[in-house]
């Protein structure tokens, strides 16, 4: 798939997404659309996530191609 096809989908701030972190799939919330600043103009997103509800939230920036929507599923209340 070309990077052009990946950049077609745009997530919105507040949307819940799923992505691979290490060997684990985690869920998080889009906090910021960083724009097409990635390699080859890939759109990057800043995502907030937590492993446990009592842990401090963590942030990561990922391209849209590495994200999948959490369609109507309930995300943990800590998000």
N, C-alpha and C. Protein backbone atom coordinates (compact mmCIF):
# COMPACT_ATOMS: atom_id res chain seq x y z
N UNK A 1 0.85 -1.18 0.00
CA UNK A 1 0.00 0.00 0.00
C UNK A 1 0.89 1.24 0.00
N UNK A 2 0.54 2.21 -0.73
CA UNK A 2 1.35 3.42 -0.81
C UNK A 2 1.08 4.35 0.37
N UNK A 3 2.03 5.24 0.64
CA UNK A 3 1.83 6.18 1.74
C UNK A 3 0.67 7.13 1.44
N UNK A 4 0.38 7.34 0.17
CA UNK A 4 -0.75 8.18 -0.22
C UNK A 4 -2.06 7.57 0.28
N UNK A 5 -2.17 6.25 0.17
CA UNK A 5 -3.37 5.57 0.63
C UNK A 5 -3.49 5.66 2.15
N UNK A 6 -2.35 5.58 2.86
CA UNK A 6 -2.37 5.68 4.32
C UNK A 6 -2.83 7.06 4.78
N UNK A 7 -2.44 8.09 4.07
CA UNK A 7 -2.74 9.45 4.51
C UNK A 7 -4.19 9.85 4.24
N UNK A 8 -4.97 8.98 3.58
CA UNK A 8 -6.36 9.29 3.29
C UNK A 8 -7.20 9.40 4.55
N UNK A 9 -6.95 8.51 5.53
CA UNK A 9 -7.77 8.52 6.74
C UNK A 9 -7.22 9.54 7.73
N UNK A 10 -8.09 10.41 8.20
CA UNK A 10 -7.69 11.40 9.19
C UNK A 10 -8.50 11.17 10.46
N UNK A 11 -7.79 11.02 11.55
CA UNK A 11 -8.43 10.87 12.85
C UNK A 11 -8.68 12.25 13.44
N UNK A 12 -9.64 12.33 14.33
CA UNK A 12 -9.96 13.61 14.98
C UNK A 12 -9.52 13.55 16.45
N UNK A 13 -9.22 14.71 16.99
CA UNK A 13 -8.88 14.81 18.41
C UNK A 13 -10.05 14.25 19.22
N UNK A 14 -9.73 13.40 20.19
CA UNK A 14 -10.76 12.78 21.02
C UNK A 14 -11.15 11.39 20.58
N UNK A 15 -10.79 11.00 19.35
CA UNK A 15 -11.13 9.66 18.85
C UNK A 15 -10.29 8.62 19.57
N UNK A 16 -10.89 7.46 19.79
CA UNK A 16 -10.20 6.35 20.43
C UNK A 16 -9.60 5.45 19.36
N UNK A 17 -8.34 5.07 19.58
CA UNK A 17 -7.63 4.24 18.61
C UNK A 17 -6.91 3.10 19.33
N UNK A 18 -6.52 2.11 18.55
CA UNK A 18 -5.76 0.95 19.04
C UNK A 18 -4.47 0.89 18.24
N UNK A 19 -3.37 0.51 18.92
CA UNK A 19 -2.08 0.40 18.26
C UNK A 19 -1.20 -0.59 19.01
N UNK A 20 -0.14 -1.03 18.39
CA UNK A 20 0.80 -1.96 19.00
C UNK A 20 1.88 -1.17 19.72
N UNK A 21 2.09 -1.49 21.00
CA UNK A 21 3.14 -0.88 21.81
C UNK A 21 3.97 -2.02 22.36
N UNK A 22 5.15 -2.22 21.79
CA UNK A 22 5.96 -3.39 22.13
C UNK A 22 5.32 -4.62 21.51
N UNK A 23 4.89 -5.53 22.38
CA UNK A 23 4.21 -6.74 21.89
C UNK A 23 2.73 -6.74 22.28
N UNK A 24 2.26 -5.62 22.81
CA UNK A 24 0.90 -5.52 23.32
C UNK A 24 0.08 -4.52 22.51
N UNK A 25 -1.18 -4.88 22.24
CA UNK A 25 -2.10 -3.91 21.63
C UNK A 25 -2.70 -3.09 22.75
N UNK A 26 -2.62 -1.79 22.62
CA UNK A 26 -3.18 -0.89 23.63
C UNK A 26 -4.15 0.08 22.98
N UNK A 27 -4.98 0.69 23.80
CA UNK A 27 -5.93 1.68 23.31
C UNK A 27 -5.58 3.03 23.90
N UNK A 28 -5.84 4.07 23.12
CA UNK A 28 -5.55 5.41 23.57
C UNK A 28 -6.48 6.42 22.92
N UNK A 29 -6.24 7.67 23.23
CA UNK A 29 -7.05 8.76 22.72
C UNK A 29 -6.19 9.74 21.94
N UNK A 30 -6.64 10.13 20.77
CA UNK A 30 -5.93 11.13 19.97
C UNK A 30 -5.98 12.45 20.72
N UNK A 31 -4.82 13.01 21.02
CA UNK A 31 -4.75 14.28 21.74
C UNK A 31 -4.41 15.44 20.80
N UNK A 32 -3.70 15.13 19.69
CA UNK A 32 -3.26 16.19 18.78
C UNK A 32 -2.98 15.61 17.41
N UNK A 33 -3.42 16.32 16.39
CA UNK A 33 -3.08 16.01 15.01
C UNK A 33 -1.85 16.85 14.69
N UNK A 34 -0.70 16.20 14.57
CA UNK A 34 0.56 16.91 14.37
C UNK A 34 0.78 17.33 12.92
N UNK A 35 -0.07 16.83 12.03
CA UNK A 35 0.03 17.21 10.63
C UNK A 35 0.96 16.30 9.85
N UNK A 36 1.21 16.63 8.58
CA UNK A 36 2.03 15.78 7.69
C UNK A 36 3.53 16.04 7.88
N UNK A 37 4.02 15.78 9.10
CA UNK A 37 5.43 16.07 9.40
C UNK A 37 6.29 14.82 9.45
N UNK A 38 5.71 13.66 9.19
CA UNK A 38 6.46 12.41 9.22
C UNK A 38 7.22 12.20 7.92
N UNK A 39 7.97 11.11 7.88
CA UNK A 39 8.74 10.74 6.70
C UNK A 39 7.81 10.64 5.49
N UNK A 40 8.15 11.30 4.41
CA UNK A 40 7.34 11.26 3.19
C UNK A 40 6.00 11.97 3.34
N UNK A 41 5.87 12.82 4.34
CA UNK A 41 4.62 13.56 4.52
C UNK A 41 3.56 12.80 5.28
N UNK A 42 3.96 11.71 5.97
CA UNK A 42 2.97 10.95 6.75
C UNK A 42 2.40 11.82 7.86
N UNK A 43 1.11 11.71 8.07
CA UNK A 43 0.43 12.47 9.13
C UNK A 43 0.67 11.78 10.46
N UNK A 44 1.16 12.54 11.44
CA UNK A 44 1.43 12.00 12.77
C UNK A 44 0.37 12.46 13.76
N UNK A 45 0.11 11.60 14.74
CA UNK A 45 -0.85 11.89 15.80
C UNK A 45 -0.20 11.68 17.15
N UNK A 46 -0.52 12.55 18.10
CA UNK A 46 -0.06 12.39 19.48
C UNK A 46 -1.18 11.67 20.22
N UNK A 47 -0.83 10.57 20.90
CA UNK A 47 -1.81 9.70 21.53
C UNK A 47 -1.49 9.54 23.00
N UNK A 48 -2.52 9.63 23.84
CA UNK A 48 -2.39 9.42 25.28
C UNK A 48 -2.93 8.04 25.60
N UNK A 49 -2.18 7.28 26.43
CA UNK A 49 -2.64 5.95 26.83
C UNK A 49 -2.09 5.59 28.20
N UNK A 50 -2.70 4.59 28.82
CA UNK A 50 -2.28 4.06 30.12
C UNK A 50 -2.41 2.55 30.09
N UNK A 51 -1.51 1.87 30.79
CA UNK A 51 -1.63 0.41 30.91
C UNK A 51 -2.58 0.06 32.06
N UNK A 52 -2.42 0.74 33.18
CA UNK A 52 -3.26 0.52 34.35
C UNK A 52 -3.89 1.84 34.75
N UNK A 53 -5.07 1.80 35.33
CA UNK A 53 -5.78 3.04 35.66
C UNK A 53 -5.06 3.88 36.71
N UNK A 54 -4.21 3.26 37.53
CA UNK A 54 -3.52 4.01 38.57
C UNK A 54 -2.14 4.53 38.13
N UNK A 55 -1.74 4.25 36.91
CA UNK A 55 -0.46 4.71 36.39
C UNK A 55 -0.60 6.10 35.76
N UNK A 56 0.52 6.79 35.67
CA UNK A 56 0.56 8.07 34.97
C UNK A 56 0.32 7.82 33.49
N UNK A 57 -0.41 8.72 32.80
CA UNK A 57 -0.60 8.53 31.36
C UNK A 57 0.71 8.71 30.61
N UNK A 58 0.82 8.01 29.50
CA UNK A 58 1.98 8.12 28.62
C UNK A 58 1.52 8.68 27.28
N UNK A 59 2.46 9.25 26.55
CA UNK A 59 2.16 9.83 25.25
C UNK A 59 3.11 9.25 24.22
N UNK A 60 2.60 9.12 22.99
CA UNK A 60 3.40 8.62 21.89
C UNK A 60 2.91 9.29 20.61
N UNK A 61 3.80 9.46 19.65
CA UNK A 61 3.41 9.98 18.33
C UNK A 61 3.55 8.85 17.32
N UNK A 62 2.47 8.62 16.56
CA UNK A 62 2.44 7.55 15.57
C UNK A 62 1.79 8.03 14.29
N UNK A 63 2.18 7.42 13.15
CA UNK A 63 1.51 7.75 11.89
C UNK A 63 0.15 7.05 11.82
N UNK A 64 -0.73 7.60 11.01
CA UNK A 64 -2.08 7.06 10.85
C UNK A 64 -2.06 5.59 10.43
N UNK A 65 -1.07 5.18 9.66
CA UNK A 65 -0.99 3.80 9.18
C UNK A 65 -0.83 2.80 10.32
N UNK A 66 -0.33 3.24 11.48
CA UNK A 66 -0.13 2.35 12.62
C UNK A 66 -1.32 2.32 13.57
N UNK A 67 -2.39 3.02 13.23
CA UNK A 67 -3.55 3.13 14.11
C UNK A 67 -4.76 2.42 13.52
N UNK A 68 -5.63 1.95 14.39
CA UNK A 68 -6.92 1.44 13.96
C UNK A 68 -7.99 2.01 14.88
N UNK A 69 -9.15 2.27 14.32
CA UNK A 69 -10.24 2.85 15.09
C UNK A 69 -10.79 1.85 16.10
N UNK A 70 -11.25 2.37 17.22
CA UNK A 70 -11.99 1.58 18.19
C UNK A 70 -13.43 1.98 17.97
N UNK A 71 -14.11 1.26 17.08
CA UNK A 71 -15.47 1.60 16.64
C UNK A 71 -16.51 1.35 17.72
N UNK A 72 -16.92 2.41 18.39
CA UNK A 72 -18.00 2.32 19.35
C UNK A 72 -17.74 1.44 20.55
N UNK A 73 -16.53 0.89 20.67
CA UNK A 73 -16.21 0.06 21.82
C UNK A 73 -15.89 0.94 23.01
N UNK A 74 -16.15 0.44 24.19
CA UNK A 74 -15.85 1.20 25.39
C UNK A 74 -14.36 1.11 25.68
N UNK A 75 -13.74 2.25 25.88
CA UNK A 75 -12.32 2.29 26.23
C UNK A 75 -12.25 2.45 27.75
N UNK A 76 -11.16 2.08 28.36
CA UNK A 76 -11.08 2.13 29.82
C UNK A 76 -11.40 3.52 30.34
N UNK A 77 -12.01 3.59 31.51
CA UNK A 77 -12.45 4.87 32.07
C UNK A 77 -11.29 5.79 32.41
N UNK A 78 -10.07 5.27 32.50
CA UNK A 78 -8.92 6.10 32.83
C UNK A 78 -8.48 6.97 31.65
N UNK A 79 -8.98 6.70 30.46
CA UNK A 79 -8.56 7.45 29.27
C UNK A 79 -9.25 8.76 29.18
